[in-house]
Amino acid sequence: MIGFILGMILIGLVAGAIARLVVPGKQNISIPMTILLGVIGSIVGGFLGKLIFNKDAANGFFQTSGLIGSIIGAIIVLLLWIKFGSKARR
């Protein structure tokens, strides 16, 4: 269980950081929020992968396609945050 949590934090950090690098502009979020962005993006990416390709984590959680899906999901979540979340703070 501890390994799974640490893995999610690591994947979340990598996916969130890459999403922040890909999306233009400045995002005023901290490192824990970047991890949360990546974890939520991983969930979104996994959900979209299941819908589009009808695949799940039966072959293991740590796959290249899973990391790519996590990054794409994190980009989607970050774009939604920029669009809707930043207006709520003003």
N, C-alpha and C. Protein backbone atom coordinates (compact mmCIF):
# COMPACT_ATOMS: atom_id res chain seq x y z
N MET A 1 0.82 -1.19 0.00
CA MET A 1 0.00 0.00 0.00
C MET A 1 0.87 1.26 0.00
N ILE A 2 1.95 1.25 0.78
CA ILE A 2 2.85 2.40 0.83
C ILE A 2 3.50 2.60 -0.53
N GLY A 3 3.87 1.51 -1.19
CA GLY A 3 4.48 1.60 -2.52
C GLY A 3 3.53 2.22 -3.53
N PHE A 4 2.25 1.87 -3.44
CA PHE A 4 1.26 2.43 -4.34
C PHE A 4 1.12 3.93 -4.12
N ILE A 5 1.09 4.35 -2.88
CA ILE A 5 0.94 5.78 -2.57
C ILE A 5 2.17 6.55 -3.03
N LEU A 6 3.35 6.02 -2.76
CA LEU A 6 4.57 6.68 -3.22
C LEU A 6 4.65 6.72 -4.74
N GLY A 7 4.19 5.66 -5.38
CA GLY A 7 4.16 5.63 -6.84
C GLY A 7 3.21 6.68 -7.41
N MET A 8 2.05 6.83 -6.78
CA MET A 8 1.09 7.84 -7.23
C MET A 8 1.66 9.25 -7.04
N ILE A 9 2.36 9.47 -5.94
CA ILE A 9 2.97 10.79 -5.71
C ILE A 9 4.04 11.05 -6.76
N LEU A 10 4.87 10.06 -7.05
CA LEU A 10 5.92 10.24 -8.04
C LEU A 10 5.34 10.46 -9.44
N ILE A 11 4.39 9.64 -9.84
CA ILE A 11 3.75 9.80 -11.15
C ILE A 11 3.02 11.14 -11.20
N GLY A 12 2.36 11.52 -10.11
CA GLY A 12 1.67 12.81 -10.05
C GLY A 12 2.62 13.98 -10.21
N LEU A 13 3.78 13.89 -9.56
CA LEU A 13 4.78 14.96 -9.67
C LEU A 13 5.30 15.07 -11.09
N VAL A 14 5.62 13.94 -11.71
CA VAL A 14 6.16 13.96 -13.08
C VAL A 14 5.10 14.46 -14.06
N ALA A 15 3.89 13.91 -13.98
CA ALA A 15 2.83 14.31 -14.91
C ALA A 15 2.43 15.77 -14.71
N GLY A 16 2.33 16.21 -13.47
CA GLY A 16 1.98 17.61 -13.19
C GLY A 16 3.05 18.57 -13.65
N ALA A 17 4.31 18.21 -13.44
CA ALA A 17 5.41 19.08 -13.86
C ALA A 17 5.48 19.19 -15.38
N ILE A 18 5.32 18.07 -16.07
CA ILE A 18 5.34 18.11 -17.54
C ILE A 18 4.15 18.91 -18.06
N ALA A 19 2.99 18.74 -17.44
CA ALA A 19 1.80 19.51 -17.86
C ALA A 19 2.05 21.00 -17.67
N ARG A 20 2.68 21.39 -16.56
CA ARG A 20 2.97 22.81 -16.33
C ARG A 20 3.99 23.34 -17.31
N LEU A 21 4.91 22.49 -17.76
CA LEU A 21 5.89 22.92 -18.75
C LEU A 21 5.27 23.06 -20.14
N VAL A 22 4.31 22.22 -20.46
CA VAL A 22 3.70 22.22 -21.79
C VAL A 22 2.71 23.37 -21.96
N VAL A 23 1.93 23.64 -20.93
CA VAL A 23 0.91 24.68 -21.02
C VAL A 23 1.58 26.05 -20.87
N PRO A 24 1.37 26.94 -21.85
CA PRO A 24 2.02 28.25 -21.78
C PRO A 24 1.42 29.13 -20.69
N GLY A 25 2.19 30.09 -20.25
CA GLY A 25 1.74 31.01 -19.21
C GLY A 25 2.27 30.60 -17.86
N LYS A 26 2.04 31.48 -16.90
CA LYS A 26 2.52 31.22 -15.54
C LYS A 26 1.37 30.66 -14.72
N GLN A 27 1.64 29.56 -14.05
CA GLN A 27 0.66 28.97 -13.14
C GLN A 27 1.18 29.16 -11.72
N ASN A 28 0.42 29.82 -10.92
CA ASN A 28 0.83 30.08 -9.54
C ASN A 28 0.33 28.96 -8.63
N ILE A 29 0.95 27.79 -8.77
CA ILE A 29 0.59 26.67 -7.90
C ILE A 29 1.88 26.09 -7.30
N SER A 30 1.74 25.53 -6.12
CA SER A 30 2.90 25.01 -5.39
C SER A 30 3.23 23.58 -5.84
N ILE A 31 4.27 23.03 -5.27
CA ILE A 31 4.67 21.66 -5.58
C ILE A 31 3.61 20.66 -5.13
N PRO A 32 3.04 20.77 -3.91
CA PRO A 32 1.96 19.84 -3.56
C PRO A 32 0.75 19.95 -4.51
N MET A 33 0.45 21.15 -4.96
CA MET A 33 -0.66 21.31 -5.92
C MET A 33 -0.28 20.72 -7.28
N THR A 34 1.00 20.75 -7.64
CA THR A 34 1.46 20.12 -8.87
C THR A 34 1.29 18.61 -8.77
N ILE A 35 1.61 18.05 -7.61
CA ILE A 35 1.41 16.61 -7.39
C ILE A 35 -0.07 16.28 -7.48
N LEU A 36 -0.91 17.08 -6.83
CA LEU A 36 -2.35 16.85 -6.89
C LEU A 36 -2.87 16.97 -8.32
N LEU A 37 -2.35 17.94 -9.07
CA LEU A 37 -2.71 18.09 -10.47
C LEU A 37 -2.37 16.83 -11.25
N GLY A 38 -1.19 16.28 -11.02
CA GLY A 38 -0.78 15.06 -11.71
C GLY A 38 -1.61 13.85 -11.31
N VAL A 39 -1.95 13.73 -10.03
CA VAL A 39 -2.76 12.60 -9.57
C VAL A 39 -4.17 12.68 -10.16
N ILE A 40 -4.77 13.87 -10.12
CA ILE A 40 -6.09 14.04 -10.72
C ILE A 40 -6.01 13.83 -12.23
N GLY A 41 -4.94 14.32 -12.85
CA GLY A 41 -4.73 14.09 -14.28
C GLY A 41 -4.58 12.62 -14.60
N SER A 42 -3.95 11.87 -13.72
CA SER A 42 -3.81 10.43 -13.90
C SER A 42 -5.17 9.73 -13.87
N ILE A 43 -6.01 10.18 -12.96
CA ILE A 43 -7.37 9.62 -12.88
C ILE A 43 -8.15 9.95 -14.14
N VAL A 44 -8.06 11.21 -14.57
CA VAL A 44 -8.76 11.64 -15.80
C VAL A 44 -8.21 10.88 -17.01
N GLY A 45 -6.89 10.77 -17.11
CA GLY A 45 -6.27 10.05 -18.22
C GLY A 45 -6.66 8.58 -18.23
N GLY A 46 -6.70 7.96 -17.07
CA GLY A 46 -7.13 6.56 -16.97
C GLY A 46 -8.58 6.38 -17.37
N PHE A 47 -9.42 7.31 -16.95
CA PHE A 47 -10.84 7.25 -17.30
C PHE A 47 -11.02 7.40 -18.80
N LEU A 48 -10.32 8.37 -19.40
CA LEU A 48 -10.42 8.56 -20.85
C LEU A 48 -9.86 7.37 -21.61
N GLY A 49 -8.77 6.80 -21.13
CA GLY A 49 -8.20 5.61 -21.76
C GLY A 49 -9.16 4.43 -21.72
N LYS A 50 -9.84 4.29 -20.59
CA LYS A 50 -10.83 3.20 -20.46
C LYS A 50 -11.99 3.43 -21.42
N LEU A 51 -12.44 4.69 -21.54
CA LEU A 51 -13.54 4.98 -22.45
C LEU A 51 -13.16 4.80 -23.92
N ILE A 52 -11.99 5.28 -24.29
CA ILE A 52 -11.59 5.27 -25.70
C ILE A 52 -11.10 3.89 -26.14
N PHE A 53 -10.22 3.27 -25.36
CA PHE A 53 -9.57 2.04 -25.78
C PHE A 53 -10.11 0.80 -25.10
N ASN A 54 -10.99 0.96 -24.12
CA ASN A 54 -11.56 -0.15 -23.36
C ASN A 54 -10.47 -1.01 -22.73
N LYS A 55 -9.44 -0.37 -22.19
CA LYS A 55 -8.35 -1.05 -21.49
C LYS A 55 -8.36 -0.59 -20.04
N ASP A 56 -7.85 -1.43 -19.18
CA ASP A 56 -7.75 -1.05 -17.78
C ASP A 56 -6.36 -1.42 -17.26
N ALA A 57 -6.20 -1.38 -15.97
CA ALA A 57 -4.89 -1.59 -15.35
C ALA A 57 -4.61 -3.07 -15.09
N ALA A 58 -5.23 -3.96 -15.83
CA ALA A 58 -5.03 -5.39 -15.59
C ALA A 58 -3.60 -5.84 -15.89
N ASN A 59 -2.91 -5.14 -16.78
CA ASN A 59 -1.54 -5.49 -17.13
C ASN A 59 -0.51 -4.78 -16.26
N GLY A 60 -0.94 -4.09 -15.24
CA GLY A 60 -0.03 -3.36 -14.37
C GLY A 60 -0.26 -1.87 -14.46
N PHE A 61 0.07 -1.17 -13.40
CA PHE A 61 -0.19 0.26 -13.35
C PHE A 61 0.89 1.08 -14.05
N PHE A 62 2.14 0.67 -13.96
CA PHE A 62 3.23 1.48 -14.48
C PHE A 62 3.58 1.04 -15.89
N GLN A 63 2.96 1.69 -16.85
CA GLN A 63 3.20 1.45 -18.26
C GLN A 63 3.44 2.80 -18.93
N THR A 64 4.09 2.76 -20.08
CA THR A 64 4.35 3.99 -20.82
C THR A 64 3.05 4.66 -21.22
N SER A 65 2.10 3.88 -21.67
CA SER A 65 0.81 4.45 -22.07
C SER A 65 0.09 5.09 -20.88
N GLY A 66 0.28 4.52 -19.70
CA GLY A 66 -0.33 5.10 -18.51
C GLY A 66 0.28 6.43 -18.15
N LEU A 67 1.59 6.56 -18.30
CA LEU A 67 2.26 7.83 -18.02
C LEU A 67 1.84 8.88 -19.04
N ILE A 68 1.75 8.50 -20.31
CA ILE A 68 1.29 9.44 -21.34
C ILE A 68 -0.15 9.87 -21.07
N GLY A 69 -1.00 8.92 -20.69
CA GLY A 69 -2.38 9.26 -20.34
C GLY A 69 -2.45 10.18 -19.13
N SER A 70 -1.56 9.97 -18.16
CA SER A 70 -1.51 10.83 -16.99
C SER A 70 -1.12 12.25 -17.37
N ILE A 71 -0.15 12.38 -18.27
CA ILE A 71 0.28 13.71 -18.71
C ILE A 71 -0.84 14.41 -19.47
N ILE A 72 -1.50 13.68 -20.38
CA ILE A 72 -2.61 14.28 -21.13
C ILE A 72 -3.74 14.68 -20.20
N GLY A 73 -4.06 13.82 -19.23
CA GLY A 73 -5.09 14.16 -18.26
C GLY A 73 -4.71 15.36 -17.41
N ALA A 74 -3.43 15.46 -17.03
CA ALA A 74 -2.97 16.61 -16.24
C ALA A 74 -3.03 17.89 -17.05
N ILE A 75 -2.74 17.82 -18.34
CA ILE A 75 -2.86 18.99 -19.21
C ILE A 75 -4.31 19.44 -19.28
N ILE A 76 -5.22 18.50 -19.43
CA ILE A 76 -6.65 18.84 -19.48
C ILE A 76 -7.09 19.49 -18.17
N VAL A 77 -6.70 18.91 -17.05
CA VAL A 77 -7.08 19.46 -15.74
C VAL A 77 -6.47 20.84 -15.55
N LEU A 78 -5.22 21.03 -15.95
CA LEU A 78 -4.57 22.34 -15.80
C LEU A 78 -5.25 23.40 -16.67
N LEU A 79 -5.61 23.03 -17.89
CA LEU A 79 -6.31 23.98 -18.76
C LEU A 79 -7.68 24.35 -18.18
N LEU A 80 -8.36 23.37 -17.61
CA LEU A 80 -9.64 23.67 -16.95
C LEU A 80 -9.44 24.55 -15.73
N TRP A 81 -8.36 24.31 -14.98
CA TRP A 81 -8.06 25.13 -13.81
C TRP A 81 -7.77 26.57 -14.23
N ILE A 82 -7.01 26.75 -15.29
CA ILE A 82 -6.70 28.10 -15.76
C ILE A 82 -7.97 28.79 -16.23
N LYS A 83 -8.83 28.06 -16.91
CA LYS A 83 -10.05 28.64 -17.47
C LYS A 83 -11.06 29.01 -16.38
N PHE A 84 -11.31 28.09 -15.45
CA PHE A 84 -12.38 28.29 -14.47
C PHE A 84 -11.88 28.60 -13.06
N GLY A 85 -10.79 27.99 -12.63
CA GLY A 85 -10.32 28.14 -11.27
C GLY A 85 -9.71 29.50 -10.99
N SER A 86 -9.01 30.06 -11.95
CA SER A 86 -8.35 31.33 -11.73
C SER A 86 -9.37 32.48 -11.65
N LYS A 87 -10.51 32.33 -12.31
CA LYS A 87 -11.56 33.36 -12.23
C LYS A 87 -12.22 33.37 -10.86
N ALA A 88 -12.28 32.21 -10.23
CA ALA A 88 -12.91 32.13 -8.90
C ALA A 88 -12.06 32.82 -7.84
N ARG A 89 -10.76 32.90 -8.06
CA ARG A 89 -9.87 33.52 -7.08
C ARG A 89 -9.90 35.03 -7.18
N ARG A 90 -10.34 35.60 -8.27
CA ARG A 90 -10.32 37.06 -8.45
C ARG A 90 -11.37 37.74 -7.66
